[in-house]
Structure formats: structure tokens, C-alpha cells
N, C-alpha and C. Protein backbone atom coordinates (compact mmCIF):
# COMPACT_ATOMS: atom_id res chain seq x y z
N SER A 1 23.94 -24.62 -24.29
CA SER A 1 24.73 -23.41 -24.54
C SER A 1 24.23 -22.68 -25.02
N SER A 2 22.51 -23.36 -25.88
CA SER A 2 22.02 -21.71 -25.58
C SER A 2 21.41 -21.50 -24.08
N GLY A 3 21.13 -22.06 -23.29
CA GLY A 3 19.95 -21.95 -22.27
C GLY A 3 21.45 -20.66 -22.03
N ALA A 4 22.46 -20.37 -21.88
CA ALA A 4 23.33 -19.48 -21.14
C ALA A 4 23.45 -18.39 -22.04
N SER A 5 22.76 -18.46 -23.22
CA SER A 5 22.63 -16.61 -23.88
C SER A 5 21.70 -16.38 -24.22
N THR A 6 20.25 -17.41 -23.58
CA THR A 6 19.35 -16.97 -22.53
C THR A 6 19.01 -16.40 -22.12
N SER A 7 19.52 -16.65 -20.64
CA SER A 7 19.84 -16.11 -19.16
C SER A 7 20.54 -15.17 -19.67
N SER A 8 21.78 -14.81 -19.55
CA SER A 8 22.98 -13.48 -20.46
C SER A 8 21.51 -12.56 -21.18
N SER A 9 20.58 -13.01 -22.22
CA SER A 9 20.16 -11.81 -22.60
C SER A 9 19.05 -11.65 -22.35
N ARG A 10 18.46 -12.15 -21.54
CA ARG A 10 17.45 -11.93 -20.29
C ARG A 10 17.89 -10.45 -19.32
N SER A 11 18.66 -11.06 -18.81
CA SER A 11 19.24 -9.69 -17.59
C SER A 11 20.02 -8.40 -17.99
N GLU A 12 20.35 -8.65 -19.44
CA GLU A 12 20.37 -7.20 -19.98
C GLU A 12 19.53 -6.42 -20.46
N ARG A 13 18.31 -7.65 -21.27
CA ARG A 13 17.01 -6.87 -20.76
C ARG A 13 16.47 -5.92 -19.87
N ALA A 14 16.34 -6.97 -18.83
CA ALA A 14 15.96 -6.67 -17.04
C ALA A 14 16.88 -4.96 -17.26
N THR A 15 17.93 -5.08 -17.66
CA THR A 15 19.27 -3.92 -16.98
C THR A 15 18.93 -2.53 -17.71
N THR A 16 18.69 -3.20 -18.92
CA THR A 16 18.18 -1.66 -20.25
C THR A 16 16.26 -1.44 -19.50
N ALA A 17 15.98 -1.91 -19.39
CA ALA A 17 14.70 -1.52 -18.94
C ALA A 17 14.69 -0.26 -17.35
N MET A 18 15.58 -1.16 -16.57
CA MET A 18 15.37 -0.35 -15.39
C MET A 18 16.20 0.68 -15.93
N GLU A 19 17.24 0.73 -16.20
CA GLU A 19 17.50 2.27 -17.10
C GLU A 19 16.55 2.88 -17.56
N GLY A 20 15.27 2.67 -18.65
CA GLY A 20 14.69 3.80 -18.82
C GLY A 20 13.76 4.36 -18.15
N THR A 21 13.80 3.56 -16.97
CA THR A 21 12.71 3.88 -15.85
C THR A 21 13.02 6.00 -15.55
N ALA A 22 11.72 5.99 -15.29
CA ALA A 22 11.77 7.73 -14.82
C ALA A 22 12.11 8.02 -13.78
N ALA A 23 12.76 8.91 -13.12
CA ALA A 23 12.73 9.35 -11.86
C ALA A 23 11.73 9.72 -11.08
N PRO A 24 11.58 9.72 -9.80
CA PRO A 24 10.59 10.11 -9.43
C PRO A 24 9.72 11.09 -9.52
N PRO A 25 8.62 11.62 -9.91
CA PRO A 25 8.03 13.20 -9.68
C PRO A 25 8.53 14.59 -8.93
N PHE A 26 8.43 14.21 -7.75
CA PHE A 26 8.82 15.10 -6.17
C PHE A 26 10.50 14.69 -5.41
N SER A 27 10.78 14.57 -4.24
CA SER A 27 11.89 14.93 -3.96
C SER A 27 11.85 13.71 -2.90
N VAL A 28 12.88 12.44 -3.48
CA VAL A 28 13.23 11.55 -2.74
C VAL A 28 13.27 11.24 -1.24
N LYS A 29 12.29 11.16 0.01
CA LYS A 29 13.03 11.18 1.31
C LYS A 29 14.13 10.19 1.80
N ASP A 30 13.79 8.71 1.30
CA ASP A 30 14.16 7.48 1.63
C ASP A 30 14.04 6.52 0.90
N ALA A 31 14.72 6.29 0.11
CA ALA A 31 14.62 4.89 -1.49
C ALA A 31 14.03 3.99 -1.04
N GLU A 32 14.32 3.04 -0.28
CA GLU A 32 14.05 1.94 0.26
C GLU A 32 13.88 2.45 2.10
N PRO A 33 12.53 2.80 1.85
CA PRO A 33 11.57 3.38 3.45
C PRO A 33 11.34 1.47 4.21
N ASN A 34 11.84 1.38 5.55
CA ASN A 34 11.25 0.26 5.98
C ASN A 34 9.47 0.50 6.75
N LEU A 35 9.46 -0.37 7.79
CA LEU A 35 7.80 -0.73 7.98
C LEU A 35 7.78 0.62 8.88
N ALA A 36 8.51 0.33 9.97
CA ALA A 36 8.39 1.69 10.76
C ALA A 36 8.57 2.60 10.48
N LYS A 37 9.09 3.09 9.89
CA LYS A 37 9.76 4.39 9.11
C LYS A 37 8.55 4.52 7.99
N THR A 38 8.29 4.04 7.50
CA THR A 38 6.46 4.20 6.39
C THR A 38 5.39 4.77 7.82
N ILE A 39 5.57 3.89 9.16
CA ILE A 39 4.12 3.85 9.74
C ILE A 39 4.57 5.61 10.34
N THR A 40 5.63 6.00 10.97
CA THR A 40 5.89 7.08 11.58
C THR A 40 6.05 8.75 10.64
N TYR A 41 5.22 7.75 9.17
CA TYR A 41 5.03 9.53 8.17
C TYR A 41 4.38 9.60 8.64
N MET A 42 3.91 8.62 8.32
CA MET A 42 2.09 8.99 8.27
C MET A 42 1.82 10.61 8.73
N LYS A 43 0.64 10.50 7.94
CA LYS A 43 0.45 11.84 8.07
C LYS A 43 -1.33 11.97 8.74
N PRO A 44 -1.31 13.13 9.28
CA PRO A 44 -3.18 13.55 10.55
C PRO A 44 -3.70 12.46 9.66
N LEU A 45 -3.88 13.41 7.72
CA LEU A 45 -5.07 12.86 7.35
C LEU A 45 -5.23 11.76 6.67
N ASP A 46 -3.85 10.45 6.38
CA ASP A 46 -4.03 9.20 6.43
C ASP A 46 -3.82 8.52 7.98
N ILE A 47 -4.32 8.60 9.10
CA ILE A 47 -4.38 8.25 9.37
C ILE A 47 -6.04 8.25 9.82
N ALA A 48 -6.56 9.64 9.39
CA ALA A 48 -8.15 9.67 9.64
C ALA A 48 -8.93 9.30 9.07
N VAL A 49 -8.34 9.14 7.39
CA VAL A 49 -9.11 8.63 6.85
C VAL A 49 -9.32 6.85 6.95
N GLY A 50 -7.69 6.72 7.19
CA GLY A 50 -7.69 4.60 7.79
C GLY A 50 -8.01 4.65 9.01
N ALA A 51 -8.42 5.55 9.77
CA ALA A 51 -9.88 4.96 11.08
C ALA A 51 -10.88 5.24 10.69
N ALA A 52 -11.11 5.78 9.63
CA ALA A 52 -13.33 5.63 8.80
C ALA A 52 -12.97 4.83 7.84
N PHE A 53 -12.25 3.36 7.61
CA PHE A 53 -12.35 1.74 6.83
C PHE A 53 -12.50 1.42 8.11
N PRO A 54 -12.91 1.27 9.81
CA PRO A 54 -13.62 0.71 9.94
C PRO A 54 -14.13 0.70 10.68
N ALA A 55 -14.92 2.11 10.36
CA ALA A 55 -16.25 2.90 10.73
C ALA A 55 -17.62 2.53 9.63
N GLY A 56 -16.69 1.78 8.37
CA GLY A 56 -17.09 2.33 7.14
C GLY A 56 -17.58 0.92 7.01
N GLY A 57 -16.67 0.21 7.05
CA GLY A 57 -16.69 -1.76 7.39
C GLY A 57 -17.60 -2.38 8.47
N ALA A 58 -17.75 -1.16 9.47
CA ALA A 58 -19.08 -2.02 10.43
C ALA A 58 -20.13 -1.78 10.24
N VAL A 59 -20.64 -0.39 9.59
CA VAL A 59 -21.62 0.11 9.26
C VAL A 59 -22.12 -1.04 8.19
N TYR A 60 -21.84 -0.56 7.35
CA TYR A 60 -21.83 -2.49 5.57
C TYR A 60 -22.05 -3.76 6.48
N GLY A 61 -21.26 -3.73 7.10
CA GLY A 61 -21.07 -5.39 7.84
C GLY A 61 -22.57 -5.16 8.74
N TYR A 62 -23.04 -4.48 9.70
CA TYR A 62 -24.50 -4.30 10.07
C TYR A 62 -25.60 -4.42 9.00
N MET A 63 -25.19 -4.08 8.49
CA MET A 63 -27.11 -3.50 7.68
C MET A 63 -26.18 -4.79 6.68
N THR A 64 -25.97 -5.93 6.43
CA THR A 64 -25.92 -6.76 5.09
C THR A 64 -26.30 -7.72 6.03
N GLY A 65 -26.50 -7.88 7.53
CA GLY A 65 -25.41 -8.83 8.07
C GLY A 65 -27.13 -9.56 8.08
N GLY A 66 -27.93 -9.51 9.02
CA GLY A 66 -29.39 -10.29 8.91
C GLY A 66 -29.24 -10.76 10.21
N ALA A 67 -29.73 -11.59 10.41
CA ALA A 67 -29.26 -12.28 12.00
C ALA A 67 -28.58 -12.42 12.41
N ILE A 68 -27.47 -12.46 11.87
CA ILE A 68 -26.18 -12.21 12.91
C ILE A 68 -25.12 -10.70 12.35
N ARG A 69 -25.25 -10.11 12.77
CA ARG A 69 -25.35 -9.20 12.47
C ARG A 69 -24.33 -7.99 12.98
N ARG A 70 -24.37 -8.69 14.70
CA ARG A 70 -23.24 -8.00 15.47
C ARG A 70 -21.63 -8.77 14.68
N TYR A 71 -22.45 -10.25 14.25
CA TYR A 71 -20.64 -10.72 13.71
C TYR A 71 -19.89 -9.79 12.39
N THR A 72 -21.03 -9.91 11.73
CA THR A 72 -20.79 -9.35 9.78
C THR A 72 -20.06 -7.84 10.33
N ALA A 73 -20.79 -7.22 10.86
CA ALA A 73 -19.81 -6.00 12.01
C ALA A 73 -19.25 -5.69 12.62
N GLY A 74 -18.33 -6.78 13.26
CA GLY A 74 -17.22 -7.17 13.52
C GLY A 74 -16.38 -7.71 12.83
N PHE A 75 -16.80 -8.55 11.51
CA PHE A 75 -15.46 -8.62 10.39
C PHE A 75 -15.11 -7.67 9.96
N GLY A 76 -16.82 -7.26 9.66
CA GLY A 76 -16.39 -5.41 8.20
C GLY A 76 -15.58 -4.23 9.00
N CYS A 77 -14.98 -4.86 10.69
CA CYS A 77 -14.26 -3.13 11.45
C CYS A 77 -13.29 -4.14 11.17
N LEU A 78 -12.45 -5.36 10.89
CA LEU A 78 -12.27 -5.92 11.29
C LEU A 78 -11.02 -5.36 9.32
N LEU A 79 -12.18 -6.41 9.04
CA LEU A 79 -11.72 -6.02 7.03
C LEU A 79 -10.86 -4.73 7.08
N GLY A 80 -12.18 -3.73 7.56
CA GLY A 80 -11.59 -2.43 6.70
C GLY A 80 -10.75 -1.65 7.81
N GLY A 81 -10.05 -2.06 9.21
CA GLY A 81 -8.88 -1.95 9.92
C GLY A 81 -7.70 -2.35 8.98
N ILE A 82 -8.09 -3.26 8.58
CA ILE A 82 -6.47 -3.98 7.84
C ILE A 82 -6.40 -3.08 6.34
N ALA A 83 -7.45 -2.84 5.50
CA ALA A 83 -7.80 -1.69 4.26
C ALA A 83 -6.76 -0.91 4.89
N GLY A 84 -7.86 0.38 6.16
CA GLY A 84 -6.97 1.52 6.55
C GLY A 84 -5.94 1.42 7.22
N PHE A 85 -5.59 0.18 7.65
CA PHE A 85 -3.82 0.51 7.44
C PHE A 85 -2.59 0.11 6.27
N ALA A 86 -3.04 -0.46 5.07
CA ALA A 86 -2.82 -0.79 4.26
C ALA A 86 -2.77 0.62 3.63
N TYR A 87 -3.99 1.71 3.15
CA TYR A 87 -4.44 2.72 2.33
C TYR A 87 -3.15 3.66 3.30
N GLY A 88 -2.72 4.08 4.29
CA GLY A 88 -1.80 4.54 4.83
C GLY A 88 -0.52 4.51 5.17
N VAL A 89 -0.53 3.21 5.08
CA VAL A 89 1.00 3.10 4.70
C VAL A 89 1.34 3.20 3.51
N GLN A 90 1.28 2.83 1.98
CA GLN A 90 0.87 3.19 0.81
C GLN A 90 1.09 4.43 0.79
N ASN A 91 0.43 5.22 1.16
CA ASN A 91 0.48 6.41 0.99
C ASN A 91 1.71 7.26 1.47
N ALA A 92 1.70 7.33 2.63
CA ALA A 92 2.95 7.13 3.68
C ALA A 92 4.82 6.49 2.91
N HIS A 93 4.61 5.35 2.25
CA HIS A 93 5.75 4.51 1.14
C HIS A 93 5.55 6.02 0.11
N ALA A 94 4.50 6.18 -0.65
CA ALA A 94 4.22 7.19 -1.57
C ALA A 94 5.18 8.20 -1.83
N ARG A 95 4.79 8.91 -0.94
CA ARG A 95 5.38 10.16 -0.01
C ARG A 95 6.92 9.89 -0.26
N LEU A 96 7.39 8.70 0.66
CA LEU A 96 9.15 9.09 1.14
C LEU A 96 9.64 8.41 -0.36
N THR A 97 9.37 7.79 -0.83
CA THR A 97 9.26 7.48 -2.37
C THR A 97 9.70 8.32 -3.16
N GLY A 98 9.47 9.23 -2.90
CA GLY A 98 8.55 10.91 -4.00
C GLY A 98 7.80 10.60 -5.48
N ASN A 99 7.06 10.12 -5.04
CA ASN A 99 6.10 9.24 -5.84
C ASN A 99 4.47 9.55 -5.74
N ARG A 100 4.67 11.20 -4.66
CA ARG A 100 3.18 11.56 -4.73
C ARG A 100 4.29 12.55 -3.31
N GLU A 101 2.95 13.84 -3.09
CA GLU A 101 3.85 15.25 -2.55
C GLU A 101 3.29 14.91 -1.00
């Protein structure tokens, strides 16, 4: 019987915590956007900054690569591309959910 009261009090605390959250500072365009909508909502600045990530990663990989510069530059470009994509999606998602202008 003590297990049932523990789980119900946990859910009550979770509900209370959710009610205490503040509203987003900007207008909400979509509270739960999917990935496709988030990608299409990216601004040109998000795309430009996201495209700079692979370039920076390639330069860093080339500079630190030593004898295998070509491979480390390629890997740095790959990691930069993933990071740049994540950066752009994060910014677009924040704008859609009202957490950024």
C-alpha cells in the first residue's frame, strides 16, 4: 500500500511542477513542431552559421592532423556538419516554441 501512495504523490508533484512553469517570452508558432517543420523554418543566418561549422571543422582537422591531414580534415568536416545542422535545428525549434525571437 505504501508503493501506491508513493507513485500517486510523485505524479501530483510532477503535475504541480508543470503548472508552475512560466510561459515562453515570445509568441508560440507551434508548441510541438516536427523535424520537417523545424528544418523548413530555419532562417538564412541559421543556415549560414551552420555551414561555417564544417569549414571550421575541416580547417581544425587539417591543422591538427599531422601525417593524416586529409582524413582528420574530412572527419572534422563531418563533425562540423552534424554540429552545424544541430545548431540550426535548435535555433529554429526555439523560435517555433516561443523561446527565441
